[in-house]
PDB file of N, CA and C in Angstrom:
ATOM      1  N   MET A   1       0.839  -1.182   0.000  1.00  0.00           N
ATOM      2  CA  MET A   1       0.000   0.000   0.000  1.00  0.00           C
ATOM      3  C   MET A   1       0.882   1.242   0.000  1.00  0.00           C
ATOM      4  N   ARG A   2       0.496   2.228  -0.767  1.00  0.00           N
ATOM      5  CA  ARG A   2       1.262   3.466  -0.855  1.00  0.00           C
ATOM      6  C   ARG A   2       0.896   4.401   0.293  1.00  0.00           C
ATOM      7  N   PRO A   3       1.871   5.180   0.761  1.00  0.00           N
ATOM      8  CA  PRO A   3       1.574   6.157   1.805  1.00  0.00           C
ATOM      9  C   PRO A   3       0.537   7.166   1.329  1.00  0.00           C
ATOM     10  N   ALA A   4      -0.236   7.713   2.251  1.00  0.00           N
ATOM     11  CA  ALA A   4      -1.300   8.658   1.914  1.00  0.00           C
ATOM     12  C   ALA A   4      -0.770   9.875   1.171  1.00  0.00           C
ATOM     13  N   ALA A   5       0.445  10.284   1.430  1.00  0.00           N
ATOM     14  CA  ALA A   5       1.014  11.472   0.799  1.00  0.00           C
ATOM     15  C   ALA A   5       1.242  11.274  -0.696  1.00  0.00           C
ATOM     16  N   GLN A   6       1.187  10.045  -1.182  1.00  0.00           N
ATOM     17  CA  GLN A   6       1.462   9.783  -2.587  1.00  0.00           C
ATOM     18  C   GLN A   6       0.209   9.425  -3.384  1.00  0.00           C
ATOM     19  N   HIS A   7      -0.957   9.878  -2.971  1.00  0.00           N
ATOM     20  CA  HIS A   7      -2.183   9.564  -3.693  1.00  0.00           C
ATOM     21  C   HIS A   7      -2.386  10.458  -4.912  1.00  0.00           C
ATOM     22  N   HIS A   8      -1.489  11.418  -5.135  1.00  0.00           N
ATOM     23  CA  HIS A   8      -1.590  12.308  -6.282  1.00  0.00           C
ATOM     24  C   HIS A   8      -0.232  12.405  -6.948  1.00  0.00           C
ATOM     25  N   GLY A   9      -0.247  12.696  -8.218  1.00  0.00           N
ATOM     26  CA  GLY A   9       1.008  12.861  -8.951  1.00  0.00           C
ATOM     27  C   GLY A   9       1.533  11.552  -9.499  1.00  0.00           C
ATOM     28  N   TRP A  10       2.634  11.660 -10.231  1.00  0.00           N
ATOM     29  CA  TRP A  10       3.225  10.493 -10.887  1.00  0.00           C
ATOM     30  C   TRP A  10       3.561   9.375  -9.911  1.00  0.00           C
ATOM     31  N   ALA A  11       4.007   9.715  -8.710  1.00  0.00           N
ATOM     32  CA  ALA A  11       4.395   8.696  -7.726  1.00  0.00           C
ATOM     33  C   ALA A  11       3.211   7.835  -7.302  1.00  0.00           C
ATOM     34  N   ALA A  12       2.001   8.334  -7.493  1.00  0.00           N
ATOM     35  CA  ALA A  12       0.809   7.591  -7.092  1.00  0.00           C
ATOM     36  C   ALA A  12       0.377   6.559  -8.130  1.00  0.00           C
ATOM     37  N   LEU A  13       0.924   6.649  -9.337  1.00  0.00           N
ATOM     38  CA  LEU A  13       0.503   5.730 -10.396  1.00  0.00           C
ATOM     39  C   LEU A  13       1.109   4.348 -10.204  1.00  0.00           C
ATOM     40  N   THR A  14       0.305   3.336 -10.510  1.00  0.00           N
ATOM     41  CA  THR A  14       0.794   1.961 -10.482  1.00  0.00           C
ATOM     42  C   THR A  14       1.659   1.723 -11.718  1.00  0.00           C
ATOM     43  N   ARG A  15       2.363   0.610 -11.730  1.00  0.00           N
ATOM     44  CA  ARG A  15       3.173   0.263 -12.901  1.00  0.00           C
ATOM     45  C   ARG A  15       2.303   0.160 -14.158  1.00  0.00           C
ATOM     46  N   ALA A  16       1.145  -0.441 -14.025  1.00  0.00           N
ATOM     47  CA  ALA A  16       0.245  -0.576 -15.173  1.00  0.00           C
ATOM     48  C   ALA A  16      -0.222   0.791 -15.655  1.00  0.00           C
ATOM     49  N   GLU A  17      -0.554   1.681 -14.736  1.00  0.00           N
ATOM     50  CA  GLU A  17      -0.979   3.025 -15.110  1.00  0.00           C
ATOM     51  C   GLU A  17       0.159   3.784 -15.782  1.00  0.00           C
ATOM     52  N   LEU A  18       1.367   3.629 -15.293  1.00  0.00           N
ATOM     53  CA  LEU A  18       2.515   4.280 -15.915  1.00  0.00           C
ATOM     54  C   LEU A  18       2.742   3.770 -17.335  1.00  0.00           C
ATOM     55  N   ARG A  19       2.569   2.459 -17.548  1.00  0.00           N
ATOM     56  CA  ARG A  19       2.718   1.900 -18.899  1.00  0.00           C
ATOM     57  C   ARG A  19       1.675   2.499 -19.833  1.00  0.00           C
ATOM     58  N   VAL A  20       0.429   2.579 -19.354  1.00  0.00           N
ATOM     59  CA  VAL A  20      -0.643   3.166 -20.168  1.00  0.00           C
ATOM     60  C   VAL A  20      -0.326   4.634 -20.457  1.00  0.00           C
ATOM     61  N   ALA A  21       0.077   5.386 -19.436  1.00  0.00           N
ATOM     62  CA  ALA A  21       0.400   6.798 -19.622  1.00  0.00           C
ATOM     63  C   ALA A  21       1.515   6.972 -20.644  1.00  0.00           C
ATOM     64  N   HIS A  22       2.522   6.121 -20.570  1.00  0.00           N
ATOM     65  CA  HIS A  22       3.649   6.202 -21.501  1.00  0.00           C
ATOM     66  C   HIS A  22       3.192   5.956 -22.924  1.00  0.00           C
ATOM     67  N   LEU A  23       2.389   4.946 -23.130  1.00  0.00           N
ATOM     68  CA  LEU A  23       1.921   4.616 -24.479  1.00  0.00           C
ATOM     69  C   LEU A  23       0.990   5.692 -25.026  1.00  0.00           C
ATOM     70  N   VAL A  24       0.138   6.236 -24.181  1.00  0.00           N
ATOM     71  CA  VAL A  24      -0.737   7.341 -24.603  1.00  0.00           C
ATOM     72  C   VAL A  24       0.115   8.548 -24.978  1.00  0.00           C
ATOM     73  N   ALA A  25       1.148   8.815 -24.183  1.00  0.00           N
ATOM     74  CA  ALA A  25       2.041   9.943 -24.465  1.00  0.00           C
ATOM     75  C   ALA A  25       2.776   9.754 -25.792  1.00  0.00           C
ATOM     76  N   GLU A  26       2.965   8.507 -26.203  1.00  0.00           N
ATOM     77  CA  GLU A  26       3.596   8.222 -27.494  1.00  0.00           C
ATOM     78  C   GLU A  26       2.612   8.376 -28.647  1.00  0.00           C
ATOM     79  N   GLY A  27       1.332   8.601 -28.324  1.00  0.00           N
ATOM     80  CA  GLY A  27       0.330   8.838 -29.350  1.00  0.00           C
ATOM     81  C   GLY A  27      -0.562   7.665 -29.687  1.00  0.00           C
ATOM     82  N   LEU A  28      -0.459   6.569 -28.958  1.00  0.00           N
ATOM     83  CA  LEU A  28      -1.292   5.409 -29.241  1.00  0.00           C
ATOM     84  C   LEU A  28      -2.735   5.657 -28.811  1.00  0.00           C
ATOM     85  N   THR A  29      -3.659   5.081 -29.574  1.00  0.00           N
ATOM     86  CA  THR A  29      -5.066   5.117 -29.204  1.00  0.00           C
ATOM     87  C   THR A  29      -5.317   4.118 -28.081  1.00  0.00           C
ATOM     88  N   ASN A  30      -6.490   4.207 -27.471  1.00  0.00           N
ATOM     89  CA  ASN A  30      -6.833   3.246 -26.414  1.00  0.00           C
ATOM     90  C   ASN A  30      -6.800   1.814 -26.938  1.00  0.00           C
ATOM     91  N   ARG A  31      -7.312   1.610 -28.145  1.00  0.00           N
ATOM     92  CA  ARG A  31      -7.308   0.256 -28.723  1.00  0.00           C
ATOM     93  C   ARG A  31      -5.884  -0.230 -28.974  1.00  0.00           C
ATOM     94  N   ALA A  32      -5.026   0.662 -29.429  1.00  0.00           N
ATOM     95  CA  ALA A  32      -3.635   0.284 -29.689  1.00  0.00           C
ATOM     96  C   ALA A  32      -2.902  -0.011 -28.382  1.00  0.00           C
ATOM     97  N   VAL A  33      -3.172   0.774 -27.359  1.00  0.00           N
ATOM     98  CA  VAL A  33      -2.579   0.520 -26.033  1.00  0.00           C
ATOM     99  C   VAL A  33      -3.035  -0.840 -25.536  1.00  0.00           C
ATOM    100  N   ALA A  34      -4.335  -1.118 -25.665  1.00  0.00           N
ATOM    101  CA  ALA A  34      -4.887  -2.399 -25.219  1.00  0.00           C
ATOM    102  C   ALA A  34      -4.212  -3.561 -25.945  1.00  0.00           C
ATOM    103  N   ALA A  35      -4.047  -3.428 -27.246  1.00  0.00           N
ATOM    104  CA  ALA A  35      -3.409  -4.489 -28.023  1.00  0.00           C
ATOM    105  C   ALA A  35      -1.954  -4.682 -27.596  1.00  0.00           C
ATOM    106  N   GLN A  36      -1.247  -3.583 -27.395  1.00  0.00           N
ATOM    107  CA  GLN A  36       0.164  -3.669 -27.006  1.00  0.00           C
ATOM    108  C   GLN A  36       0.339  -4.335 -25.642  1.00  0.00           C
ATOM    109  N   LEU A  37      -0.588  -4.047 -24.715  1.00  0.00           N
ATOM    110  CA  LEU A  37      -0.477  -4.587 -23.353  1.00  0.00           C
ATOM    111  C   LEU A  37      -1.257  -5.884 -23.154  1.00  0.00           C
ATOM    112  N   SER A  38      -1.906  -6.348 -24.196  1.00  0.00           N
ATOM    113  CA  SER A  38      -2.729  -7.565 -24.133  1.00  0.00           C
ATOM    114  C   SER A  38      -3.804  -7.479 -23.051  1.00  0.00           C
ATOM    115  N   VAL A  39      -4.499  -6.344 -23.045  1.00  0.00           N
ATOM    116  CA  VAL A  39      -5.629  -6.135 -22.136  1.00  0.00           C
ATOM    117  C   VAL A  39      -6.795  -5.620 -22.975  1.00  0.00           C
ATOM    118  N   SER A  40      -7.958  -5.492 -22.363  1.00  0.00           N
ATOM    119  CA  SER A  40      -9.112  -4.992 -23.100  1.00  0.00           C
ATOM    120  C   SER A  40      -9.096  -3.459 -23.137  1.00  0.00           C
ATOM    121  N   PRO A  41      -9.751  -2.878 -24.138  1.00  0.00           N
ATOM    122  CA  PRO A  41      -9.882  -1.422 -24.175  1.00  0.00           C
ATOM    123  C   PRO A  41     -10.559  -0.879 -22.914  1.00  0.00           C
ATOM    124  N   HIS A  42     -11.467  -1.659 -22.330  1.00  0.00           N
ATOM    125  CA  HIS A  42     -12.122  -1.252 -21.082  1.00  0.00           C
ATOM    126  C   HIS A  42     -11.092  -1.089 -19.964  1.00  0.00           C
ATOM    127  N   THR A  43     -10.122  -1.976 -19.913  1.00  0.00           N
ATOM    128  CA  THR A  43      -9.065  -1.889 -18.899  1.00  0.00           C
ATOM    129  C   THR A  43      -8.240  -0.621 -19.108  1.00  0.00           C
ATOM    130  N   VAL A  44      -7.937  -0.299 -20.347  1.00  0.00           N
ATOM    131  CA  VAL A  44      -7.201   0.932 -20.643  1.00  0.00           C
ATOM    132  C   VAL A  44      -8.024   2.137 -20.204  1.00  0.00           C
ATOM    133  N   ASP A  45      -9.317   2.142 -20.513  1.00  0.00           N
ATOM    134  CA  ASP A  45     -10.195   3.237 -20.078  1.00  0.00           C
ATOM    135  C   ASP A  45     -10.168   3.392 -18.564  1.00  0.00           C
ATOM    136  N   SER A  46     -10.230   2.276 -17.874  1.00  0.00           N
ATOM    137  CA  SER A  46     -10.202   2.300 -16.407  1.00  0.00           C
ATOM    138  C   SER A  46      -8.887   2.882 -15.893  1.00  0.00           C
ATOM    139  N   HIS A  47      -7.781   2.442 -16.472  1.00  0.00           N
ATOM    140  CA  HIS A  47      -6.480   2.982 -16.072  1.00  0.00           C
ATOM    141  C   HIS A  47      -6.418   4.490 -16.338  1.00  0.00           C
ATOM    142  N   LEU A  48      -6.936   4.925 -17.486  1.00  0.00           N
ATOM    143  CA  LEU A  48      -6.908   6.348 -17.801  1.00  0.00           C
ATOM    144  C   LEU A  48      -7.736   7.161 -16.813  1.00  0.00           C
ATOM    145  N   ARG A  49      -8.890   6.652 -16.422  1.00  0.00           N
ATOM    146  CA  ARG A  49      -9.700   7.357 -15.408  1.00  0.00           C
ATOM    147  C   ARG A  49      -8.920   7.499 -14.110  1.00  0.00           C
ATOM    148  N   ASN A  50      -8.245   6.430 -13.705  1.00  0.00           N
ATOM    149  CA  ASN A  50      -7.437   6.480 -12.485  1.00  0.00           C
ATOM    150  C   ASN A  50      -6.273   7.460 -12.629  1.00  0.00           C
ATOM    151  N   ILE A  51      -5.618   7.426 -13.778  1.00  0.00           N
ATOM    152  CA  ILE A  51      -4.498   8.335 -14.046  1.00  0.00           C
ATOM    153  C   ILE A  51      -4.979   9.780 -13.977  1.00  0.00           C
ATOM    154  N   PHE A  52      -6.088  10.074 -14.649  1.00  0.00           N
ATOM    155  CA  PHE A  52      -6.616  11.432 -14.646  1.00  0.00           C
ATOM    156  C   PHE A  52      -6.904  11.901 -13.224  1.00  0.00           C
ATOM    157  N   ALA A  53      -7.521  11.039 -12.426  1.00  0.00           N
ATOM    158  CA  ALA A  53      -7.852  11.418 -11.042  1.00  0.00           C
ATOM    159  C   ALA A  53      -6.578  11.673 -10.230  1.00  0.00           C
ATOM    160  N   LYS A  54      -5.613  10.810 -10.367  1.00  0.00           N
ATOM    161  CA  LYS A  54      -4.381  10.942  -9.584  1.00  0.00           C
ATOM    162  C   LYS A  54      -3.547  12.148 -10.002  1.00  0.00           C
ATOM    163  N   LEU A  55      -3.619  12.505 -11.278  1.00  0.00           N
ATOM    164  CA  LEU A  55      -2.843  13.645 -11.763  1.00  0.00           C
ATOM    165  C   LEU A  55      -3.644  14.946 -11.745  1.00  0.00           C
ATOM    166  N   GLY A  56      -4.934  14.848 -11.419  1.00  0.00           N
ATOM    167  CA  GLY A  56      -5.773  16.042 -11.357  1.00  0.00           C
ATOM    168  C   GLY A  56      -6.025  16.660 -12.723  1.00  0.00           C
ATOM    169  N   ILE A  57      -6.199  15.799 -13.729  1.00  0.00           N
ATOM    170  CA  ILE A  57      -6.446  16.257 -15.096  1.00  0.00           C
ATOM    171  C   ILE A  57      -7.719  15.612 -15.621  1.00  0.00           C
ATOM    172  N   SER A  58      -8.149  16.049 -16.823  1.00  0.00           N
ATOM    173  CA  SER A  58      -9.390  15.480 -17.343  1.00  0.00           C
ATOM    174  C   SER A  58      -9.335  15.136 -18.827  1.00  0.00           C
ATOM    175  N   SER A  59      -8.131  15.112 -19.402  1.00  0.00           N
ATOM    176  CA  SER A  59      -8.060  14.791 -20.825  1.00  0.00           C
ATOM    177  C   SER A  59      -6.733  14.143 -21.194  1.00  0.00           C
ATOM    178  N   ARG A  60      -6.743  13.484 -22.353  1.00  0.00           N
ATOM    179  CA  ARG A  60      -5.527  12.883 -22.899  1.00  0.00           C
ATOM    180  C   ARG A  60      -4.514  13.962 -23.254  1.00  0.00           C
ATOM    181  N   VAL A  61      -5.006  15.093 -23.728  1.00  0.00           N
ATOM    182  CA  VAL A  61      -4.109  16.197 -24.084  1.00  0.00           C
ATOM    183  C   VAL A  61      -3.332  16.653 -22.853  1.00  0.00           C
ATOM    184  N   ALA A  62      -4.032  16.796 -21.729  1.00  0.00           N
ATOM    185  CA  ALA A  62      -3.367  17.199 -20.486  1.00  0.00           C
ATOM    186  C   ALA A  62      -2.368  16.128 -20.045  1.00  0.00           C
ATOM    187  N   LEU A  63      -2.724  14.864 -20.242  1.00  0.00           N
ATOM    188  CA  LEU A  63      -1.816  13.774 -19.882  1.00  0.00           C
ATOM    189  C   LEU A  63      -0.541  13.846 -20.718  1.00  0.00           C
ATOM    190  N   VAL A  64      -0.694  14.043 -22.015  1.00  0.00           N
ATOM    191  CA  VAL A  64       0.480  14.129 -22.894  1.00  0.00           C
ATOM    192  C   VAL A  64       1.333  15.334 -22.507  1.00  0.00           C
ATOM    193  N   ARG A  65       0.698  16.451 -22.220  1.00  0.00           N
ATOM    194  CA  ARG A  65       1.441  17.650 -21.824  1.00  0.00           C
ATOM    195  C   ARG A  65       2.254  17.386 -20.562  1.00  0.00           C
ATOM    196  N   LEU A  66       1.624  16.769 -19.550  1.00  0.00           N
ATOM    197  CA  LEU A  66       2.353  16.456 -18.307  1.00  0.00           C
ATOM    198  C   LEU A  66       3.459  15.437 -18.551  1.00  0.00           C
ATOM    199  N   ALA A  67       3.178  14.470 -19.404  1.00  0.00           N
ATOM    200  CA  ALA A  67       4.184  13.451 -19.699  1.00  0.00           C
ATOM    201  C   ALA A  67       5.405  14.068 -20.377  1.00  0.00           C
ATOM    202  N   VAL A  68       5.165  14.981 -21.300  1.00  0.00           N
ATOM    203  CA  VAL A  68       6.284  15.646 -21.974  1.00  0.00           C
ATOM    204  C   VAL A  68       7.093  16.456 -20.951  1.00  0.00           C
ATOM    205  N   LEU A  69       6.400  17.162 -20.083  1.00  0.00           N
ATOM    206  CA  LEU A  69       7.079  17.944 -19.062  1.00  0.00           C
ATOM    207  C   LEU A  69       7.887  17.056 -18.119  1.00  0.00           C
ATOM    208  N   ALA A  70       7.393  15.845 -17.873  1.00  0.00           N
ATOM    209  CA  ALA A  70       8.064  14.919 -16.970  1.00  0.00           C
ATOM    210  C   ALA A  70       9.028  13.994 -17.710  1.00  0.00           C
ATOM    211  N   ASP A  71       9.187  14.207 -19.023  1.00  0.00           N
ATOM    212  CA  ASP A  71      10.048  13.366 -19.862  1.00  0.00           C
ATOM    213  C   ASP A  71       9.602  11.918 -19.894  1.00  0.00           C
ATOM    214  N   LEU A  72       8.325  11.660 -19.660  1.00  0.00           N
ATOM    215  CA  LEU A  72       7.804  10.306 -19.704  1.00  0.00           C
ATOM    216  C   LEU A  72       7.686   9.811 -21.142  1.00  0.00           C
ATOM    217  N   ALA A  73       7.480  10.726 -22.064  1.00  0.00           N
ATOM    218  CA  ALA A  73       7.274  10.344 -23.446  1.00  0.00           C
ATOM    219  C   ALA A  73       8.562   9.980 -24.171  1.00  0.00           C
ATOM    220  N   ALA A  74       9.691  10.186 -23.550  1.00  0.00           N
ATOM    221  CA  ALA A  74      10.976   9.937 -24.214  1.00  0.00           C
ATOM    222  C   ALA A  74      11.286   8.470 -24.341  1.00  0.00           C
TER     223      ALA A  74
END
């Protein structure tokens, strides 16, 4: 379990959420992310909702912007 202080921001993301965030930042669609990770598109949607909540954002564009700023997309 993660400490309460890490419920927001990149440190709060699980490994699976980080993988999804990275692939989205590379420009993949939800279906392409699902295919790459061998999960369903519904699972990708769920991860994205969690990512958005933890990062305090509401769109893929905001996710890509934060990822670029954090060098996650590299």
